């Protein structure tokens, strides 16, 4: 049973803001088809997942693209691609807009997700602001996306964040598409390149089977 991935343990790290809407269904279906596998689910930021892989604390990660130094040890599978959106308080002067140019936020205070927890995402936003002709005036850097939304709703600043966080508690926030778009924000499945474990391979196979449905759900 272990050789076929039907028994063993599977420890999964995931970013709730990016995949909470489909991870429960995956877990339920995997548990139903692999009742002898012990599953554990851990909510983690991108950096926490990388640290957990190094300490052999997780077997699977659902996170942002890997840094270059991790690409030899971890295999990546693209799950879906998100877009960056402006997030403003409901009472903000721009809250009624259907779309925004990033340059229109130049004079705003910013709430940006903490760089240490998602380096690639932070750098992508800073680079996009630079291309738009300004450096963002960062006032707050929360380590949780839910905190970011709460701070925006409280009027403490505006944010640039992946559209997937609309599925969190976002009362008091308005999400506005950016034109031109700032580039894709991928979510990837990560797992150790070697050695292969049948239980990991079984979960990867399930993800691959569900990719069309996940991408349609997250579009």
Protein backbone atom coordinates (compact mmCIF):
# COMPACT_ATOMS: atom_id res chain seq x y z
CA UNK A 1 0.00 0.00 0.00
CA UNK A 2 2.85 2.38 0.79
CA UNK A 3 4.45 1.65 -2.58
CA UNK A 4 1.25 2.66 -4.37
CA UNK A 5 0.69 5.80 -2.28
CA UNK A 6 -2.27 4.29 -0.40
CA UNK A 7 -0.77 4.69 3.04
CA UNK A 8 1.66 7.00 4.82
CA UNK A 9 1.59 10.69 5.77
CA UNK A 10 1.15 13.83 3.70
CA UNK A 11 1.91 17.29 5.11
CA UNK A 12 0.64 20.20 3.03
CA UNK A 13 1.53 23.87 3.38
CA UNK A 14 -0.81 26.34 1.72
CA UNK A 15 -1.57 30.04 1.41
CA UNK A 16 -5.18 30.41 2.50
CA UNK A 17 -5.65 33.70 0.66
CA UNK A 18 -4.73 32.05 -2.64
CA UNK A 19 -6.32 28.61 -2.42
CA UNK A 20 -8.73 28.28 0.50
CA UNK A 21 -11.64 28.01 -1.93
CA UNK A 22 -10.43 24.77 -3.53
CA UNK A 23 -8.08 23.12 -1.01
CA UNK A 24 -10.88 21.71 1.21
CA UNK A 25 -12.38 19.87 -1.76
CA UNK A 26 -9.00 18.44 -2.73
CA UNK A 27 -8.37 17.25 0.80
CA UNK A 28 -11.81 15.69 1.05
CA UNK A 29 -11.46 13.83 -2.25
CA UNK A 30 -7.91 12.69 -1.52
CA UNK A 31 -8.93 11.42 1.92
CA UNK A 32 -11.85 9.52 0.39
CA UNK A 33 -9.63 7.75 -2.14
CA UNK A 34 -6.69 7.30 0.26
CA UNK A 35 -8.29 6.57 3.66
CA UNK A 36 -5.06 5.11 5.09
CA UNK A 37 -3.06 8.29 4.47
CA UNK A 38 -2.70 10.67 7.41
CA UNK A 39 -3.23 14.24 6.15
CA UNK A 40 -2.14 17.44 7.85
CA UNK A 41 -2.78 20.93 6.52
CA UNK A 42 -0.70 23.96 7.55
CA UNK A 43 -1.49 27.58 6.67
CA UNK A 44 1.82 29.22 5.74
CA UNK A 45 3.17 32.19 3.83
CA UNK A 46 5.48 31.65 0.86
CA UNK A 47 8.63 32.08 2.98
CA UNK A 48 7.31 29.87 5.75
CA UNK A 49 6.77 27.10 3.21
CA UNK A 50 10.33 27.39 1.90
CA UNK A 51 11.65 27.20 5.46
CA UNK A 52 9.41 24.20 6.18
CA UNK A 53 10.71 22.36 3.09
CA UNK A 54 14.28 22.91 4.28
CA UNK A 55 13.40 21.47 7.70
CA UNK A 56 11.48 18.56 6.12
CA UNK A 57 8.25 19.68 7.82
CA UNK A 58 6.00 19.62 4.72
CA UNK A 59 5.78 17.40 1.65
CA UNK A 60 3.64 19.64 -0.58
CA UNK A 61 3.42 23.41 -0.85
CA UNK A 62 0.91 25.68 -2.58
CA UNK A 63 2.64 29.01 -2.97
CA UNK A 64 4.13 31.66 -5.26
CA UNK A 65 6.93 30.90 -7.77
CA UNK A 66 10.15 29.54 -6.35
CA UNK A 67 13.29 31.66 -5.96
CA UNK A 68 16.11 30.62 -8.27
CA UNK A 69 18.08 28.90 -5.50
CA UNK A 70 15.19 26.50 -4.76
CA UNK A 71 14.49 25.36 -8.30
CA UNK A 72 16.93 22.44 -8.22
CA UNK A 73 15.46 20.87 -5.09
CA UNK A 74 11.74 21.52 -5.60
CA UNK A 75 9.56 20.74 -8.59
CA UNK A 76 6.93 23.33 -9.53
CA UNK A 77 3.55 22.81 -11.20
CA UNK A 78 1.54 25.86 -12.29
CA UNK A 79 -1.94 25.77 -10.72
CA UNK A 80 -3.46 29.09 -11.85
CA UNK A 81 -2.49 32.69 -12.58
CA UNK A 82 -3.95 35.59 -10.64
CA UNK A 83 -3.83 39.34 -11.36
CA UNK A 84 -2.81 42.26 -9.18
CA UNK A 85 -5.57 44.72 -8.27
CA UNK A 86 -5.80 48.01 -6.44
CA UNK A 87 -7.54 47.76 -3.06
CA UNK A 88 -8.98 51.00 -1.64
CA UNK A 89 -11.33 51.83 1.26
CA UNK A 90 -15.01 52.03 0.31
CA UNK A 91 -15.11 55.76 1.01
CA UNK A 92 -11.98 56.54 -0.99
CA UNK A 93 -12.09 59.16 -3.74
CA UNK A 94 -11.29 56.46 -6.32
CA UNK A 95 -13.62 53.77 -4.96
CA UNK A 96 -16.23 54.36 -7.69
CA UNK A 97 -13.80 53.73 -10.55
CA UNK A 98 -14.11 50.68 -12.81
CA UNK A 99 -10.35 50.61 -13.48
CA UNK A 100 -7.24 52.53 -12.49
CA UNK A 101 -3.81 53.34 -13.81
CA UNK A 102 -1.20 52.56 -11.18
CA UNK A 103 0.17 56.10 -11.51
CA UNK A 104 -3.12 57.44 -10.07
CA UNK A 105 -2.07 56.06 -6.68
CA UNK A 106 1.23 57.94 -6.56
CA UNK A 107 0.15 60.29 -3.76
CA UNK A 108 -1.42 57.59 -1.57
CA UNK A 109 -0.13 55.90 1.57
CA UNK A 110 0.40 52.19 0.89
CA UNK A 111 -0.28 49.02 2.84
CA UNK A 112 1.84 46.27 1.26
CA UNK A 113 2.20 42.62 2.25
CA UNK A 114 5.43 42.06 4.17
CA UNK A 115 8.38 41.45 1.85
CA UNK A 116 9.92 38.83 4.11
CA UNK A 117 6.87 36.59 3.65
CA UNK A 118 6.50 36.97 -0.15
CA UNK A 119 9.64 38.47 -1.65
CA UNK A 120 8.68 37.93 -5.28
CA UNK A 121 5.24 39.51 -4.89
CA UNK A 122 6.60 42.54 -3.02
CA UNK A 123 9.36 43.12 -5.55
CA UNK A 124 6.90 42.78 -8.44
CA UNK A 125 4.72 45.54 -6.96
CA UNK A 126 7.66 47.86 -6.23
CA UNK A 127 9.00 47.33 -9.75
CA UNK A 128 5.58 48.09 -11.28
CA UNK A 129 5.35 51.32 -9.26
CA UNK A 130 8.81 52.29 -10.48
CA UNK A 131 7.73 51.67 -14.06
CA UNK A 132 4.72 53.93 -13.38
CA UNK A 133 7.08 56.72 -12.31
CA UNK A 134 6.95 56.67 -8.52
CA UNK A 135 8.13 54.93 -5.38
CA UNK A 136 5.23 53.89 -3.12
CA UNK A 137 4.98 55.58 0.27
CA UNK A 138 4.72 52.45 2.38
CA UNK A 139 3.17 53.00 5.81
CA UNK A 140 2.37 49.44 6.87
CA UNK A 141 3.62 45.94 5.99
CA UNK A 142 1.35 43.31 7.56
CA UNK A 143 2.35 39.65 7.50
CA UNK A 144 -1.20 38.42 6.80
CA UNK A 145 -3.44 39.28 3.86
CA UNK A 146 -6.46 39.46 6.17
CA UNK A 147 -4.66 42.13 8.21
CA UNK A 148 -3.88 44.01 5.00
CA UNK A 149 -7.58 44.10 4.13
CA UNK A 150 -8.53 45.24 7.63
CA UNK A 151 -6.01 48.09 7.48
CA UNK A 152 -7.23 49.21 4.06
CA UNK A 153 -10.86 49.07 5.25
CA UNK A 154 -9.85 51.22 8.24
CA UNK A 155 -8.57 53.88 5.86
CA UNK A 156 -4.88 53.45 6.73
CA UNK A 157 -3.80 53.26 3.10
CA UNK A 158 -4.37 51.63 -0.25
CA UNK A 159 -2.91 48.32 -1.40
CA UNK A 160 -1.86 46.42 -4.48
CA UNK A 161 -2.61 42.74 -3.97
CA UNK A 162 -3.63 39.55 -5.81
CA UNK A 163 -7.31 39.46 -6.72
CA UNK A 164 -7.74 36.11 -4.95
CA UNK A 165 -7.89 37.83 -1.55
CA UNK A 166 -11.40 39.01 -2.42
CA UNK A 167 -12.44 35.62 -1.03
CA UNK A 168 -11.30 36.69 2.44
CA UNK A 169 -13.31 38.97 4.73
CA UNK A 170 -13.09 42.21 2.75
CA UNK A 171 -16.01 44.35 3.97
CA UNK A 172 -15.06 48.00 3.63
CA UNK A 173 -12.70 47.40 0.69
CA UNK A 174 -13.11 47.99 -3.02
CA UNK A 175 -11.09 45.97 -5.55
CA UNK A 176 -10.35 47.81 -8.78
CA UNK A 177 -8.65 46.29 -11.87
CA UNK A 178 -5.45 47.98 -13.01
CA UNK A 179 -4.96 49.03 -16.62
CA UNK A 180 -2.57 48.18 -18.02
CA UNK A 181 -2.33 44.93 -16.09
CA UNK A 182 0.82 44.49 -13.99
CA UNK A 183 1.58 40.91 -14.97
CA UNK A 184 0.45 37.54 -13.72
CA UNK A 185 0.73 36.35 -10.12
CA UNK A 186 1.09 32.56 -10.38
CA UNK A 187 0.14 30.01 -7.76
CA UNK A 188 2.25 26.86 -7.95
CA UNK A 189 2.31 23.40 -6.42
CA UNK A 190 5.75 22.54 -5.03
CA UNK A 191 7.17 19.20 -3.94
CA UNK A 192 10.67 17.71 -3.52
CA UNK A 193 12.32 16.75 -6.80
CA UNK A 194 14.01 13.72 -5.23
CA UNK A 195 13.44 11.25 -3.84
CA UNK A 196 9.93 10.57 -5.11
CA UNK A 197 7.30 9.35 -2.65
CA UNK A 198 4.19 7.55 -3.95
CA UNK A 199 1.86 9.44 -1.62
CA UNK A 200 3.18 12.77 -2.95
CA UNK A 201 2.86 11.54 -6.52
CA UNK A 202 -0.74 10.54 -5.84
CA UNK A 203 -1.63 14.03 -4.60
CA UNK A 204 0.15 15.67 -7.54
CA UNK A 205 -1.86 13.44 -9.89
CA UNK A 206 -5.09 14.60 -8.23
CA UNK A 207 -4.09 18.25 -8.63
CA UNK A 208 -3.25 17.69 -12.31
CA UNK A 209 -6.65 16.08 -12.83
CA UNK A 210 -8.43 19.03 -11.19
CA UNK A 211 -6.46 21.84 -12.86
CA UNK A 212 -9.16 22.78 -15.42
CA UNK A 213 -11.82 23.06 -12.70
CA UNK A 214 -9.51 25.02 -10.37
CA UNK A 215 -8.53 27.47 -13.11
CA UNK A 216 -12.15 28.02 -14.06
CA UNK A 217 -13.10 28.57 -10.41
CA UNK A 218 -10.30 31.07 -9.81
CA UNK A 219 -10.69 32.98 -13.11
